[in-house]
Amino acid sequence: MSKRRFIKTVSERFPVPNRKGGGLITIKVWEDEDGAVVKYSLAYINHRLCSKDNGRVIGYDNAHNYHHKHYFGEIFSVDDFTNYEDLLNRFEEEVKEFIK
């Protein structure tokens, strides 16, 4: 039996200018050989706003085999997960609360 291969298809870092609140947005995505998203990590990191969770103010990922949200050091299950694209849109909207 061969091991499934995941391919990192997105690895982006977007520095947020200090005049807009500072910090860093990171987006990482892995897909299987069929192009389906199997792993992801979305994060807005700003150590000036959050000292916990490596500075992650808000983020989503599916590590530990479940979809969850990081928010100022706390972790919440994402029970209404439908697909990666919808979650990415949610993340982008939520990050706007912190970037002015």
PDB file of N, CA and C in Angstrom:
ATOM      1  N   MET A   1       0.844  -1.186   0.000  1.00  0.00           N
ATOM      2  CA  MET A   1       0.000   0.000   0.000  1.00  0.00           C
ATOM      3  C   MET A   1       0.887   1.245   0.000  1.00  0.00           C
ATOM      4  N   SER A   2       0.671   2.117  -0.930  1.00  0.00           N
ATOM      5  CA  SER A   2       1.502   3.318  -1.014  1.00  0.00           C
ATOM      6  C   SER A   2       0.920   4.434  -0.149  1.00  0.00           C
ATOM      7  N   LYS A   3       1.808   5.241   0.354  1.00  0.00           N
ATOM      8  CA  LYS A   3       1.410   6.371   1.194  1.00  0.00           C
ATOM      9  C   LYS A   3       0.864   7.493   0.309  1.00  0.00           C
ATOM     10  N   ARG A   4      -0.228   8.116   0.756  1.00  0.00           N
ATOM     11  CA  ARG A   4      -0.799   9.239  -0.001  1.00  0.00           C
ATOM     12  C   ARG A   4       0.152  10.418   0.053  1.00  0.00           C
ATOM     13  N   ARG A   5       0.323  11.056  -1.076  1.00  0.00           N
ATOM     14  CA  ARG A   5       1.199  12.226  -1.149  1.00  0.00           C
ATOM     15  C   ARG A   5       0.363  13.491  -1.150  1.00  0.00           C
ATOM     16  N   PHE A   6       0.782  14.435  -0.339  1.00  0.00           N
ATOM     17  CA  PHE A   6       0.158  15.743  -0.324  1.00  0.00           C
ATOM     18  C   PHE A   6       1.149  16.737  -0.908  1.00  0.00           C
ATOM     19  N   ILE A   7       0.649  17.655  -1.705  1.00  0.00           N
ATOM     20  CA  ILE A   7       1.483  18.637  -2.379  1.00  0.00           C
ATOM     21  C   ILE A   7       1.106  20.016  -1.852  1.00  0.00           C
ATOM     22  N   LYS A   8       2.106  20.760  -1.360  1.00  0.00           N
ATOM     23  CA  LYS A   8       1.842  22.126  -0.903  1.00  0.00           C
ATOM     24  C   LYS A   8       1.645  22.992  -2.134  1.00  0.00           C
ATOM     25  N   THR A   9       0.427  23.498  -2.283  1.00  0.00           N
ATOM     26  CA  THR A   9       0.091  24.273  -3.477  1.00  0.00           C
ATOM     27  C   THR A   9       0.042  25.775  -3.212  1.00  0.00           C
ATOM     28  N   VAL A  10      -0.094  26.145  -1.941  1.00  0.00           N
ATOM     29  CA  VAL A  10      -0.113  27.563  -1.578  1.00  0.00           C
ATOM     30  C   VAL A  10       0.762  27.746  -0.346  1.00  0.00           C
ATOM     31  N   SER A  11       1.635  28.729  -0.410  1.00  0.00           N
ATOM     32  CA  SER A  11       2.451  29.116   0.739  1.00  0.00           C
ATOM     33  C   SER A  11       2.694  30.619   0.599  1.00  0.00           C
ATOM     34  N   GLU A  12       1.798  31.392   1.176  1.00  0.00           N
ATOM     35  CA  GLU A  12       1.847  32.842   0.994  1.00  0.00           C
ATOM     36  C   GLU A  12       1.976  33.555   2.331  1.00  0.00           C
ATOM     37  N   ARG A  13       2.689  34.657   2.319  1.00  0.00           N
ATOM     38  CA  ARG A  13       2.859  35.520   3.490  1.00  0.00           C
ATOM     39  C   ARG A  13       2.582  36.943   3.051  1.00  0.00           C
ATOM     40  N   PHE A  14       1.678  37.587   3.760  1.00  0.00           N
ATOM     41  CA  PHE A  14       1.313  38.967   3.440  1.00  0.00           C
ATOM     42  C   PHE A  14       1.574  39.847   4.653  1.00  0.00           C
ATOM     43  N   PRO A  15       2.682  40.579   4.660  1.00  0.00           N
ATOM     44  CA  PRO A  15       2.914  41.509   5.768  1.00  0.00           C
ATOM     45  C   PRO A  15       1.857  42.611   5.742  1.00  0.00           C
ATOM     46  N   VAL A  16       1.317  42.924   6.915  1.00  0.00           N
ATOM     47  CA  VAL A  16       0.339  44.001   7.039  1.00  0.00           C
ATOM     48  C   VAL A  16       1.100  45.254   7.467  1.00  0.00           C
ATOM     49  N   PRO A  17       0.997  46.332   6.707  1.00  0.00           N
ATOM     50  CA  PRO A  17       1.722  47.561   7.075  1.00  0.00           C
ATOM     51  C   PRO A  17       1.322  48.052   8.474  1.00  0.00           C
ATOM     52  N   ASN A  18       2.278  48.622   9.164  1.00  0.00           N
ATOM     53  CA  ASN A  18       2.009  49.145  10.512  1.00  0.00           C
ATOM     54  C   ASN A  18       0.864  50.143  10.512  1.00  0.00           C
ATOM     55  N   ARG A  19       0.749  50.949   9.468  1.00  0.00           N
ATOM     56  CA  ARG A  19      -0.324  51.948   9.427  1.00  0.00           C
ATOM     57  C   ARG A  19      -1.706  51.298   9.342  1.00  0.00           C
ATOM     58  N   LYS A  20      -1.751  50.012   8.981  1.00  0.00           N
ATOM     59  CA  LYS A  20      -3.018  49.278   8.902  1.00  0.00           C
ATOM     60  C   LYS A  20      -3.190  48.305  10.059  1.00  0.00           C
ATOM     61  N   GLY A  21      -2.293  48.363  11.031  1.00  0.00           N
ATOM     62  CA  GLY A  21      -2.413  47.496  12.206  1.00  0.00           C
ATOM     63  C   GLY A  21      -1.253  46.551  12.416  1.00  0.00           C
ATOM     64  N   GLY A  22      -0.449  46.354  11.381  1.00  0.00           N
ATOM     65  CA  GLY A  22       0.726  45.499  11.495  1.00  0.00           C
ATOM     66  C   GLY A  22       0.382  44.018  11.528  1.00  0.00           C
ATOM     67  N   GLY A  23       1.407  43.223  11.598  1.00  0.00           N
ATOM     68  CA  GLY A  23       1.243  41.783  11.672  1.00  0.00           C
ATOM     69  C   GLY A  23       1.526  41.102  10.350  1.00  0.00           C
ATOM     70  N   LEU A  24       1.102  39.845  10.274  1.00  0.00           N
ATOM     71  CA  LEU A  24       1.390  39.012   9.120  1.00  0.00           C
ATOM     72  C   LEU A  24       0.229  38.057   8.883  1.00  0.00           C
ATOM     73  N   ILE A  25      -0.190  37.932   7.643  1.00  0.00           N
ATOM     74  CA  ILE A  25      -1.192  36.944   7.260  1.00  0.00           C
ATOM     75  C   ILE A  25      -0.458  35.824   6.535  1.00  0.00           C
ATOM     76  N   THR A  26      -0.705  34.590   6.967  1.00  0.00           N
ATOM     77  CA  THR A  26      -0.102  33.441   6.297  1.00  0.00           C
ATOM     78  C   THR A  26      -1.203  32.493   5.824  1.00  0.00           C
ATOM     79  N   ILE A  27      -1.005  31.954   4.640  1.00  0.00           N
ATOM     80  CA  ILE A  27      -1.951  30.995   4.066  1.00  0.00           C
ATOM     81  C   ILE A  27      -1.138  29.845   3.490  1.00  0.00           C
ATOM     82  N   LYS A  28      -1.447  28.630   3.964  1.00  0.00           N
ATOM     83  CA  LYS A  28      -0.773  27.424   3.476  1.00  0.00           C
ATOM     84  C   LYS A  28      -1.842  26.388   3.141  1.00  0.00           C
ATOM     85  N   VAL A  29      -1.672  25.736   1.999  1.00  0.00           N
ATOM     86  CA  VAL A  29      -2.644  24.740   1.547  1.00  0.00           C
ATOM     87  C   VAL A  29      -1.897  23.553   0.942  1.00  0.00           C
ATOM     88  N   TRP A  30      -2.360  22.364   1.288  1.00  0.00           N
ATOM     89  CA  TRP A  30      -1.859  21.130   0.707  1.00  0.00           C
ATOM     90  C   TRP A  30      -3.013  20.422   0.025  1.00  0.00           C
ATOM     91  N   GLU A  31      -2.746  19.864  -1.145  1.00  0.00           N
ATOM     92  CA  GLU A  31      -3.763  19.132  -1.886  1.00  0.00           C
ATOM     93  C   GLU A  31      -3.295  17.694  -2.108  1.00  0.00           C
ATOM     94  N   ASP A  32      -4.271  16.810  -2.320  1.00  0.00           N
ATOM     95  CA  ASP A  32      -3.911  15.441  -2.659  1.00  0.00           C
ATOM     96  C   ASP A  32      -3.635  15.360  -4.161  1.00  0.00           C
ATOM     97  N   GLU A  33      -3.337  14.171  -4.645  1.00  0.00           N
ATOM     98  CA  GLU A  33      -2.975  14.003  -6.049  1.00  0.00           C
ATOM     99  C   GLU A  33      -4.136  14.303  -6.995  1.00  0.00           C
ATOM    100  N   ASP A  34      -5.362  14.336  -6.449  1.00  0.00           N
ATOM    101  CA  ASP A  34      -6.535  14.656  -7.263  1.00  0.00           C
ATOM    102  C   ASP A  34      -6.892  16.140  -7.226  1.00  0.00           C
ATOM    103  N   GLY A  35      -6.128  16.949  -6.478  1.00  0.00           N
ATOM    104  CA  GLY A  35      -6.375  18.383  -6.400  1.00  0.00           C
ATOM    105  C   GLY A  35      -7.339  18.804  -5.304  1.00  0.00           C
ATOM    106  N   ALA A  36      -7.728  17.881  -4.430  1.00  0.00           N
ATOM    107  CA  ALA A  36      -8.614  18.221  -3.315  1.00  0.00           C
ATOM    108  C   ALA A  36      -7.787  18.753  -2.145  1.00  0.00           C
ATOM    109  N   VAL A  37      -8.281  19.811  -1.504  1.00  0.00           N
ATOM    110  CA  VAL A  37      -7.597  20.363  -0.337  1.00  0.00           C
ATOM    111  C   VAL A  37      -7.721  19.372   0.811  1.00  0.00           C
ATOM    112  N   VAL A  38      -6.564  18.958   1.346  1.00  0.00           N
ATOM    113  CA  VAL A  38      -6.569  17.991   2.435  1.00  0.00           C
ATOM    114  C   VAL A  38      -6.016  18.579   3.741  1.00  0.00           C
ATOM    115  N   LYS A  39      -5.286  19.663   3.619  1.00  0.00           N
ATOM    116  CA  LYS A  39      -4.699  20.297   4.806  1.00  0.00           C
ATOM    117  C   LYS A  39      -4.590  21.792   4.517  1.00  0.00           C
ATOM    118  N   TYR A  40      -4.832  22.604   5.553  1.00  0.00           N
ATOM    119  CA  TYR A  40      -4.730  24.046   5.358  1.00  0.00           C
ATOM    120  C   TYR A  40      -4.403  24.726   6.685  1.00  0.00           C
ATOM    121  N   SER A  41      -3.864  25.915   6.576  1.00  0.00           N
ATOM    122  CA  SER A  41      -3.578  26.752   7.735  1.00  0.00           C
ATOM    123  C   SER A  41      -3.718  28.200   7.304  1.00  0.00           C
ATOM    124  N   LEU A  42      -4.624  28.922   7.952  1.00  0.00           N
ATOM    125  CA  LEU A  42      -4.859  30.341   7.690  1.00  0.00           C
ATOM    126  C   LEU A  42      -4.617  31.075   9.001  1.00  0.00           C
ATOM    127  N   ALA A  43      -3.796  32.098   8.992  1.00  0.00           N
ATOM    128  CA  ALA A  43      -3.514  32.774  10.258  1.00  0.00           C
ATOM    129  C   ALA A  43      -3.238  34.256  10.065  1.00  0.00           C
ATOM    130  N   TYR A  44      -3.733  35.032  11.013  1.00  0.00           N
ATOM    131  CA  TYR A  44      -3.339  36.431  11.148  1.00  0.00           C
ATOM    132  C   TYR A  44      -2.552  36.511  12.443  1.00  0.00           C
ATOM    133  N   ILE A  45      -1.276  36.833  12.330  1.00  0.00           N
ATOM    134  CA  ILE A  45      -0.359  36.873  13.461  1.00  0.00           C
ATOM    135  C   ILE A  45       0.010  38.323  13.742  1.00  0.00           C
ATOM    136  N   ASN A  46      -0.176  38.728  14.994  1.00  0.00           N
ATOM    137  CA  ASN A  46       0.195  40.080  15.395  1.00  0.00           C
ATOM    138  C   ASN A  46       0.515  40.039  16.886  1.00  0.00           C
ATOM    139  N   HIS A  47       1.795  40.009  17.195  1.00  0.00           N
ATOM    140  CA  HIS A  47       2.244  39.899  18.594  1.00  0.00           C
ATOM    141  C   HIS A  47       1.851  41.110  19.434  1.00  0.00           C
ATOM    142  N   ARG A  48       1.557  42.231  18.782  1.00  0.00           N
ATOM    143  CA  ARG A  48       1.110  43.406  19.540  1.00  0.00           C
ATOM    144  C   ARG A  48      -0.320  43.242  20.039  1.00  0.00           C
ATOM    145  N   LEU A  49      -1.105  42.424  19.354  1.00  0.00           N
ATOM    146  CA  LEU A  49      -2.494  42.195  19.763  1.00  0.00           C
ATOM    147  C   LEU A  49      -2.664  40.939  20.607  1.00  0.00           C
ATOM    148  N   CYS A  50      -1.790  39.951  20.401  1.00  0.00           N
ATOM    149  CA  CYS A  50      -1.954  38.669  21.079  1.00  0.00           C
ATOM    150  C   CYS A  50      -0.593  38.103  21.468  1.00  0.00           C
ATOM    151  N   SER A  51      -0.431  37.809  22.735  1.00  0.00           N
ATOM    152  CA  SER A  51       0.828  37.223  23.190  1.00  0.00           C
ATOM    153  C   SER A  51       0.750  35.702  23.283  1.00  0.00           C
ATOM    154  N   LYS A  52      -0.445  35.145  23.156  1.00  0.00           N
ATOM    155  CA  LYS A  52      -0.628  33.693  23.227  1.00  0.00           C
ATOM    156  C   LYS A  52      -0.557  33.083  21.831  1.00  0.00           C
ATOM    157  N   ASP A  53      -0.452  31.754  21.781  1.00  0.00           N
ATOM    158  CA  ASP A  53      -0.592  31.010  20.528  1.00  0.00           C
ATOM    159  C   ASP A  53       0.337  31.546  19.437  1.00  0.00           C
ATOM    160  N   ASN A  54       1.579  31.855  19.823  1.00  0.00           N
ATOM    161  CA  ASN A  54       2.582  32.378  18.885  1.00  0.00           C
ATOM    162  C   ASN A  54       2.126  33.646  18.163  1.00  0.00           C
ATOM    163  N   GLY A  55       1.295  34.440  18.846  1.00  0.00           N
ATOM    164  CA  GLY A  55       0.844  35.709  18.281  1.00  0.00           C
ATOM    165  C   GLY A  55      -0.340  35.598  17.341  1.00  0.00           C
ATOM    166  N   ARG A  56      -0.917  34.406  17.257  1.00  0.00           N
ATOM    167  CA  ARG A  56      -2.043  34.207  16.333  1.00  0.00           C
ATOM    168  C   ARG A  56      -3.290  34.873  16.905  1.00  0.00           C
ATOM    169  N   VAL A  57      -3.739  35.916  16.236  1.00  0.00           N
ATOM    170  CA  VAL A  57      -4.948  36.635  16.634  1.00  0.00           C
ATOM    171  C   VAL A  57      -6.168  35.813  16.221  1.00  0.00           C
ATOM    172  N   ILE A  58      -6.145  35.378  14.977  1.00  0.00           N
ATOM    173  CA  ILE A  58      -7.236  34.567  14.446  1.00  0.00           C
ATOM    174  C   ILE A  58      -6.650  33.615  13.413  1.00  0.00           C
ATOM    175  N   GLY A  59      -7.216  32.440  13.341  1.00  0.00           N
ATOM    176  CA  GLY A  59      -6.734  31.482  12.354  1.00  0.00           C
ATOM    177  C   GLY A  59      -7.636  30.277  12.263  1.00  0.00           C
ATOM    178  N   TYR A  60      -7.477  29.568  11.181  1.00  0.00           N
ATOM    179  CA  TYR A  60      -8.211  28.324  10.960  1.00  0.00           C
ATOM    180  C   TYR A  60      -7.232  27.281  10.453  1.00  0.00           C
ATOM    181  N   ASP A  61      -7.414  26.040  10.881  1.00  0.00           N
ATOM    182  CA  ASP A  61      -6.657  24.940  10.303  1.00  0.00           C
ATOM    183  C   ASP A  61      -7.385  23.637  10.590  1.00  0.00           C
ATOM    184  N   ASN A  62      -6.866  22.576   9.995  1.00  0.00           N
ATOM    185  CA  ASN A  62      -7.458  21.263  10.232  1.00  0.00           C
ATOM    186  C   ASN A  62      -6.420  20.280  10.751  1.00  0.00           C
ATOM    187  N   ALA A  63      -5.456  20.787  11.494  1.00  0.00           N
ATOM    188  CA  ALA A  63      -4.494  19.908  12.161  1.00  0.00           C
ATOM    189  C   ALA A  63      -5.245  19.104  13.214  1.00  0.00           C
ATOM    190  N   HIS A  64      -4.665  18.036  13.651  1.00  0.00           N
ATOM    191  CA  HIS A  64      -5.273  17.188  14.688  1.00  0.00           C
ATOM    192  C   HIS A  64      -6.580  16.559  14.211  1.00  0.00           C
ATOM    193  N   ASN A  65      -6.743  16.480  12.888  1.00  0.00           N
ATOM    194  CA  ASN A  65      -7.870  15.773  12.271  1.00  0.00           C
ATOM    195  C   ASN A  65      -9.243  16.384  12.514  1.00  0.00           C
ATOM    196  N   TYR A  66      -9.307  17.690  12.762  1.00  0.00           N
ATOM    197  CA  TYR A  66     -10.611  18.348  12.791  1.00  0.00           C
ATOM    198  C   TYR A  66     -10.440  19.821  12.443  1.00  0.00           C
ATOM    199  N   HIS A  67     -11.500  20.419  11.918  1.00  0.00           N
ATOM    200  CA  HIS A  67     -11.491  21.823  11.529  1.00  0.00           C
ATOM    201  C   HIS A  67     -11.694  22.660  12.786  1.00  0.00           C
ATOM    202  N   HIS A  68     -10.808  23.638  13.001  1.00  0.00           N
ATOM    203  CA  HIS A  68     -10.948  24.465  14.194  1.00  0.00           C
ATOM    204  C   HIS A  68     -10.435  25.884  13.957  1.00  0.00           C
ATOM    205  N   LYS A  69     -10.895  26.753  14.852  1.00  0.00           N
ATOM    206  CA  LYS A  69     -10.579  28.171  14.794  1.00  0.00           C
ATOM    207  C   LYS A  69      -9.744  28.542  16.009  1.00  0.00           C
ATOM    208  N   HIS A  70      -8.708  29.328  15.764  1.00  0.00           N
ATOM    209  CA  HIS A  70      -7.900  29.918  16.833  1.00  0.00           C
ATOM    210  C   HIS A  70      -8.330  31.367  16.969  1.00  0.00           C
ATOM    211  N   TYR A  71      -8.582  31.798  18.196  1.00  0.00           N
ATOM    212  CA  TYR A  71      -8.986  33.180  18.422  1.00  0.00           C
ATOM    213  C   TYR A  71      -8.405  33.645  19.744  1.00  0.00           C
ATOM    214  N   PHE A  72      -7.369  34.484  19.665  1.00  0.00           N
ATOM    215  CA  PHE A  72      -6.698  35.039  20.842  1.00  0.00           C
ATOM    216  C   PHE A  72      -6.342  33.951  21.856  1.00  0.00           C
ATOM    217  N   GLY A  73      -5.742  32.873  21.386  1.00  0.00           N
ATOM    218  CA  GLY A  73      -5.247  31.833  22.276  1.00  0.00           C
ATOM    219  C   GLY A  73      -6.240  30.743  22.626  1.00  0.00           C
ATOM    220  N   GLU A  74      -7.471  30.884  22.187  1.00  0.00           N
ATOM    221  CA  GLU A  74      -8.467  29.844  22.447  1.00  0.00           C
ATOM    222  C   GLU A  74      -8.763  29.103  21.154  1.00  0.00           C
ATOM    223  N   ILE A  75      -9.207  27.858  21.289  1.00  0.00           N
ATOM    224  CA  ILE A  75      -9.494  27.020  20.126  1.00  0.00           C
ATOM    225  C   ILE A  75     -10.949  26.578  20.172  1.00  0.00           C
ATOM    226  N   PHE A  76     -11.621  26.728  19.026  1.00  0.00           N
ATOM    227  CA  PHE A  76     -13.033  26.375  18.910  1.00  0.00           C
ATOM    228  C   PHE A  76     -13.221  25.461  17.704  1.00  0.00           C
ATOM    229  N   SER A  77     -14.023  24.445  17.840  1.00  0.00           N
ATOM    230  CA  SER A  77     -14.344  23.555  16.728  1.00  0.00           C
ATOM    231  C   SER A  77     -15.175  24.319  15.700  1.00  0.00           C
ATOM    232  N   VAL A  78     -14.929  24.062  14.424  1.00  0.00           N
ATOM    233  CA  VAL A  78     -15.723  24.649  13.350  1.00  0.00           C
ATOM    234  C   VAL A  78     -16.716  23.572  12.904  1.00  0.00           C
ATOM    235  N   ASP A  79     -17.873  23.591  13.517  1.00  0.00           N
ATOM    236  CA  ASP A  79     -18.874  22.556  13.267  1.00  0.00           C
ATOM    237  C   ASP A  79     -19.636  22.768  11.964  1.00  0.00           C
ATOM    238  N   ASP A  80     -19.610  24.001  11.431  1.00  0.00           N
ATOM    239  CA  ASP A  80     -20.357  24.283  10.211  1.00  0.00           C
ATOM    240  C   ASP A  80     -19.464  24.312   8.968  1.00  0.00           C
ATOM    241  N   PHE A  81     -18.314  23.625   9.029  1.00  0.00           N
ATOM    242  CA  PHE A  81     -17.396  23.585   7.889  1.00  0.00           C
ATOM    243  C   PHE A  81     -18.103  22.982   6.674  1.00  0.00           C
ATOM    244  N   THR A  82     -18.012  23.678   5.532  1.00  0.00           N
ATOM    245  CA  THR A  82     -18.576  23.148   4.293  1.00  0.00           C
ATOM    246  C   THR A  82     -17.461  22.812   3.300  1.00  0.00           C
ATOM    247  N   ASN A  83     -16.557  23.780   3.092  1.00  0.00           N
ATOM    248  CA  ASN A  83     -15.421  23.538   2.208  1.00  0.00           C
ATOM    249  C   ASN A  83     -14.353  24.605   2.469  1.00  0.00           C
ATOM    250  N   TYR A  84     -13.174  24.363   1.935  1.00  0.00           N
ATOM    251  CA  TYR A  84     -12.051  25.261   2.167  1.00  0.00           C
ATOM    252  C   TYR A  84     -12.335  26.670   1.644  1.00  0.00           C
ATOM    253  N   GLU A  85     -12.916  26.778   0.475  1.00  0.00           N
ATOM    254  CA  GLU A  85     -13.151  28.099  -0.127  1.00  0.00           C
ATOM    255  C   GLU A  85     -14.055  28.961   0.754  1.00  0.00           C
ATOM    256  N   ASP A  86     -15.117  28.360   1.289  1.00  0.00           N
ATOM    257  CA  ASP A  86     -16.010  29.111   2.177  1.00  0.00           C
ATOM    258  C   ASP A  86     -15.276  29.548   3.446  1.00  0.00           C
ATOM    259  N   LEU A  87     -14.433  28.678   3.959  1.00  0.00           N
ATOM    260  CA  LEU A  87     -13.688  29.018   5.171  1.00  0.00           C
ATOM    261  C   LEU A  87     -12.670  30.125   4.894  1.00  0.00           C
ATOM    262  N   LEU A  88     -12.035  30.087   3.739  1.00  0.00           N
ATOM    263  CA  LEU A  88     -11.104  31.145   3.354  1.00  0.00           C
ATOM    264  C   LEU A  88     -11.835  32.483   3.279  1.00  0.00           C
ATOM    265  N   ASN A  89     -13.022  32.501   2.698  1.00  0.00           N
ATOM    266  CA  ASN A  89     -13.814  33.739   2.636  1.00  0.00           C
ATOM    267  C   ASN A  89     -14.171  34.236   4.031  1.00  0.00           C
ATOM    268  N   ARG A  90     -14.544  33.324   4.918  1.00  0.00           N
ATOM    269  CA  ARG A  90     -14.860  33.693   6.304  1.00  0.00           C
ATOM    270  C   ARG A  90     -13.630  34.303   6.978  1.00  0.00           C
ATOM    271  N   PHE A  91     -12.484  33.663   6.804  1.00  0.00           N
ATOM    272  CA  PHE A  91     -11.241  34.163   7.381  1.00  0.00           C
ATOM    273  C   PHE A  91     -10.930  35.567   6.878  1.00  0.00           C
ATOM    274  N   GLU A  92     -11.047  35.772   5.571  1.00  0.00           N
ATOM    275  CA  GLU A  92     -10.757  37.085   4.990  1.00  0.00           C
ATOM    276  C   GLU A  92     -11.682  38.155   5.568  1.00  0.00           C
ATOM    277  N   GLU A  93     -12.945  37.843   5.746  1.00  0.00           N
ATOM    278  CA  GLU A  93     -13.889  38.807   6.323  1.00  0.00           C
ATOM    279  C   GLU A  93     -13.547  39.100   7.787  1.00  0.00           C
ATOM    280  N   GLU A  94     -13.207  38.068   8.550  1.00  0.00           N
ATOM    281  CA  GLU A  94     -12.903  38.255   9.964  1.00  0.00           C
ATOM    282  C   GLU A  94     -11.609  39.028  10.172  1.00  0.00           C
ATOM    283  N   VAL A  95     -10.642  38.842   9.307  1.00  0.00           N
ATOM    284  CA  VAL A  95      -9.366  39.549   9.429  1.00  0.00           C
ATOM    285  C   VAL A  95      -9.567  41.050   9.221  1.00  0.00           C
ATOM    286  N   LYS A  96     -10.544  41.421   8.410  1.00  0.00           N
ATOM    287  CA  LYS A  96     -10.821  42.843   8.151  1.00  0.00           C
ATOM    288  C   LYS A  96     -11.148  43.606   9.426  1.00  0.00           C
ATOM    289  N   GLU A  97     -11.614  42.912  10.461  1.00  0.00           N
ATOM    290  CA  GLU A  97     -11.919  43.575  11.741  1.00  0.00           C
ATOM    291  C   GLU A  97     -10.646  44.113  12.398  1.00  0.00           C
ATOM    292  N   PHE A  98      -9.510  43.524  12.080  1.00  0.00           N
ATOM    293  CA  PHE A  98      -8.255  43.900  12.725  1.00  0.00           C
ATOM    294  C   PHE A  98      -7.355  44.770  11.863  1.00  0.00           C
ATOM    295  N   ILE A  99      -7.602  44.775  10.575  1.00  0.00           N
ATOM    296  CA  ILE A  99      -6.790  45.545   9.651  1.00  0.00           C
ATOM    297  C   ILE A  99      -7.584  46.760   9.207  1.00  0.00           C
ATOM    298  N   LYS A 100      -7.093  47.911   9.556  1.00  0.00           N
ATOM    299  CA  LYS A 100      -7.819  49.164   9.276  1.00  0.00           C
ATOM    300  C   LYS A 100      -7.169  49.949   8.156  1.00  0.00           C
TER     301      LYS A 100
END
